[in-house]
Every structure is written in structure tokens, then in C-alpha cells.
Amino acid sequence: LQGEIWRAGYQSGAFQGHVYPEVRECWEQWTKSGYAIAIYSSGSVAAQKLIFGHSSSGDLTPLISAYFDTGVGHKREAQSYRNIVAALA
């Protein structure tokens, strides 16, 4: 239910994901320089895609190469980061 409320809110424009003004420009520069951008959040991958797809700087999802949530492990566990490194090769 929460996911459906969020989806409707983001798609209608009632919600926007907050990002700092310089994020889009930095991310564009980084991707042009060959860096991959990956997101790791305690929020679900679906929620991350909504937030970055409907951000205050527009749709940032084309700049994101990978999304991770607690499916790789919890943030305080070192293995979580090893799992991300392995997934990103």
C-alpha cells in the first residue's frame, strides 16, 4: 500500500525526491568521465527509482548504473559492501 501511495504521489508531481542543486551536473560529469553511479539505501530499490526518477533536478535514473537495498545486507555489516563490490565487478 505504501508503495502505491508513493508511486501515485511521485507520478502526479505531489512528491519530489530532494537532491542538492549540484547533483545533476556532478553526476553528468562523472558518467562522462567513465564513472558508474550506484545507490545503496535502506529504502527499497523501487523507492529509490521513484525518488531519483522524480527528483527536484528531474529524472536522474539514466545516470544511475545500479541500485542496492538491504537485500545485499544491512549497512553496518561489512559483508554488505563486499556484496556490492562483487555485484559491480
C-alpha atoms as a PDB file:
ATOM      1  CA  LEU A   1       0.000   0.000   0.000  1.00  0.00           C
ATOM      2  CA  GLN A   2       2.798   2.435   0.889  1.00  0.00           C
ATOM      3  CA  GLY A   3       4.454   1.768  -2.468  1.00  0.00           C
ATOM      4  CA  GLU A   4       1.237   2.532  -4.346  1.00  0.00           C
ATOM      5  CA  ILE A   5       0.747   5.792  -2.439  1.00  0.00           C
ATOM      6  CA  TRP A   6       4.326   6.821  -3.159  1.00  0.00           C
ATOM      7  CA  ARG A   7       4.049   5.863  -6.828  1.00  0.00           C
ATOM      8  CA  ALA A   8       0.863   7.887  -7.281  1.00  0.00           C
ATOM      9  CA  GLY A   9       2.345  10.854  -5.410  1.00  0.00           C
ATOM     10  CA  TYR A  10       5.566  10.929  -7.402  1.00  0.00           C
ATOM     11  CA  GLN A  11       3.836  10.381 -10.737  1.00  0.00           C
ATOM     12  CA  SER A  12       1.307  13.153 -10.065  1.00  0.00           C
ATOM     13  CA  GLY A  13       4.033  15.581  -9.040  1.00  0.00           C
ATOM     14  CA  ALA A  14       2.764  15.835  -5.450  1.00  0.00           C
ATOM     15  CA  PHE A  15       6.125  14.450  -4.258  1.00  0.00           C
ATOM     16  CA  GLN A  16       9.675  15.116  -5.433  1.00  0.00           C
ATOM     17  CA  GLY A  17      12.874  13.492  -4.341  1.00  0.00           C
ATOM     18  CA  HIS A  18      15.157  16.138  -2.868  1.00  0.00           C
ATOM     19  CA  VAL A  19      18.668  16.339  -4.255  1.00  0.00           C
ATOM     20  CA  TYR A  20      21.128  19.181  -3.899  1.00  0.00           C
ATOM     21  CA  PRO A  21      21.285  21.532  -6.907  1.00  0.00           C
ATOM     22  CA  GLU A  22      24.759  20.400  -7.978  1.00  0.00           C
ATOM     23  CA  VAL A  23      23.896  16.679  -8.138  1.00  0.00           C
ATOM     24  CA  ARG A  24      22.771  16.518 -11.789  1.00  0.00           C
ATOM     25  CA  GLU A  25      25.801  18.416 -13.096  1.00  0.00           C
ATOM     26  CA  CYS A  26      28.236  16.361 -10.999  1.00  0.00           C
ATOM     27  CA  TRP A  27      26.641  13.062 -11.960  1.00  0.00           C
ATOM     28  CA  GLU A  28      26.662  14.004 -15.644  1.00  0.00           C
ATOM     29  CA  GLN A  29      30.356  14.911 -15.439  1.00  0.00           C
ATOM     30  CA  TRP A  30      31.194  11.716 -13.582  1.00  0.00           C
ATOM     31  CA  THR A  31      29.346   9.466 -16.047  1.00  0.00           C
ATOM     32  CA  LYS A  32      31.005  11.245 -18.995  1.00  0.00           C
ATOM     33  CA  SER A  33      34.340  10.572 -17.279  1.00  0.00           C
ATOM     34  CA  GLY A  34      33.532   6.858 -17.124  1.00  0.00           C
ATOM     35  CA  TYR A  35      32.435   6.559 -13.511  1.00  0.00           C
ATOM     36  CA  ALA A  36      29.401   4.453 -12.656  1.00  0.00           C
ATOM     37  CA  ILE A  37      26.935   5.742 -10.096  1.00  0.00           C
ATOM     38  CA  ALA A  38      25.348   3.207  -7.771  1.00  0.00           C
ATOM     39  CA  ILE A  39      22.878   3.837  -4.963  1.00  0.00           C
ATOM     40  CA  TYR A  40      22.785   1.877  -1.696  1.00  0.00           C
ATOM     41  CA  SER A  41      19.884   2.704   0.583  1.00  0.00           C
ATOM     42  CA  SER A  42      17.841   1.154   3.333  1.00  0.00           C
ATOM     43  CA  GLY A  43      14.857   2.143   1.189  1.00  0.00           C
ATOM     44  CA  SER A  44      13.744  -0.398  -1.404  1.00  0.00           C
ATOM     45  CA  VAL A  45      15.087  -0.318  -4.946  1.00  0.00           C
ATOM     46  CA  ALA A  46      11.573   0.573  -6.125  1.00  0.00           C
ATOM     47  CA  ALA A  47      11.500   3.564  -3.750  1.00  0.00           C
ATOM     48  CA  GLN A  48      14.964   4.663  -4.889  1.00  0.00           C
ATOM     49  CA  LYS A  49      13.831   4.628  -8.527  1.00  0.00           C
ATOM     50  CA  LEU A  50      10.799   6.762  -7.648  1.00  0.00           C
ATOM     51  CA  ILE A  51      12.873   9.267  -5.697  1.00  0.00           C
ATOM     52  CA  PHE A  52      15.578   9.660  -8.356  1.00  0.00           C
ATOM     53  CA  GLY A  53      13.124   9.376 -11.239  1.00  0.00           C
ATOM     54  CA  HIS A  54      11.077  12.268  -9.876  1.00  0.00           C
ATOM     55  CA  SER A  55      13.729  14.399  -8.255  1.00  0.00           C
ATOM     56  CA  SER A  56      13.896  18.152  -7.820  1.00  0.00           C
ATOM     57  CA  SER A  57      16.506  18.022 -10.622  1.00  0.00           C
ATOM     58  CA  GLY A  58      14.378  15.905 -12.953  1.00  0.00           C
ATOM     59  CA  ASP A  59      14.797  12.261 -13.884  1.00  0.00           C
ATOM     60  CA  LEU A  60      18.239  11.164 -12.729  1.00  0.00           C
ATOM     61  CA  THR A  61      17.725   7.444 -13.359  1.00  0.00           C
ATOM     62  CA  PRO A  62      19.564   7.422 -16.717  1.00  0.00           C
ATOM     63  CA  LEU A  63      22.692   8.409 -14.787  1.00  0.00           C
ATOM     64  CA  ILE A  64      22.431   5.549 -12.262  1.00  0.00           C
ATOM     65  CA  SER A  65      24.015   2.219 -13.145  1.00  0.00           C
ATOM     66  CA  ALA A  66      22.911   0.133 -10.163  1.00  0.00           C
ATOM     67  CA  TYR A  67      20.649   0.186  -7.134  1.00  0.00           C
ATOM     68  CA  PHE A  68      21.108  -1.725  -3.897  1.00  0.00           C
ATOM     69  CA  ASP A  69      18.945  -2.073  -0.823  1.00  0.00           C
ATOM     70  CA  THR A  70      19.153  -4.222   2.278  1.00  0.00           C
ATOM     71  CA  GLY A  71      18.809  -7.278   0.044  1.00  0.00           C
ATOM     72  CA  VAL A  72      22.636  -7.149  -0.107  1.00  0.00           C
ATOM     73  CA  GLY A  73      22.803  -6.849   3.675  1.00  0.00           C
ATOM     74  CA  HIS A  74      22.493  -4.219   6.340  1.00  0.00           C
ATOM     75  CA  LYS A  75      24.560  -1.052   6.240  1.00  0.00           C
ATOM     76  CA  ARG A  76      26.503  -1.843   9.392  1.00  0.00           C
ATOM     77  CA  GLU A  77      27.694  -5.195   8.054  1.00  0.00           C
ATOM     78  CA  ALA A  78      30.987  -5.236   6.128  1.00  0.00           C
ATOM     79  CA  GLN A  79      29.721  -8.153   4.027  1.00  0.00           C
ATOM     80  CA  SER A  80      27.065  -5.864   2.527  1.00  0.00           C
ATOM     81  CA  TYR A  81      29.781  -3.747   0.939  1.00  0.00           C
ATOM     82  CA  ARG A  82      31.646  -6.811  -0.283  1.00  0.00           C
ATOM     83  CA  ASN A  83      28.407  -7.987  -1.898  1.00  0.00           C
ATOM     84  CA  ILE A  84      28.046  -4.642  -3.677  1.00  0.00           C
ATOM     85  CA  VAL A  85      31.656  -4.725  -4.877  1.00  0.00           C
ATOM     86  CA  ALA A  86      31.111  -8.244  -6.225  1.00  0.00           C
ATOM     87  CA  ALA A  87      27.891  -7.209  -7.990  1.00  0.00           C
ATOM     88  CA  LEU A  88      29.611  -4.231  -9.603  1.00  0.00           C
ATOM     89  CA  ALA A  89      32.614  -6.364 -10.592  1.00  0.00           C
END
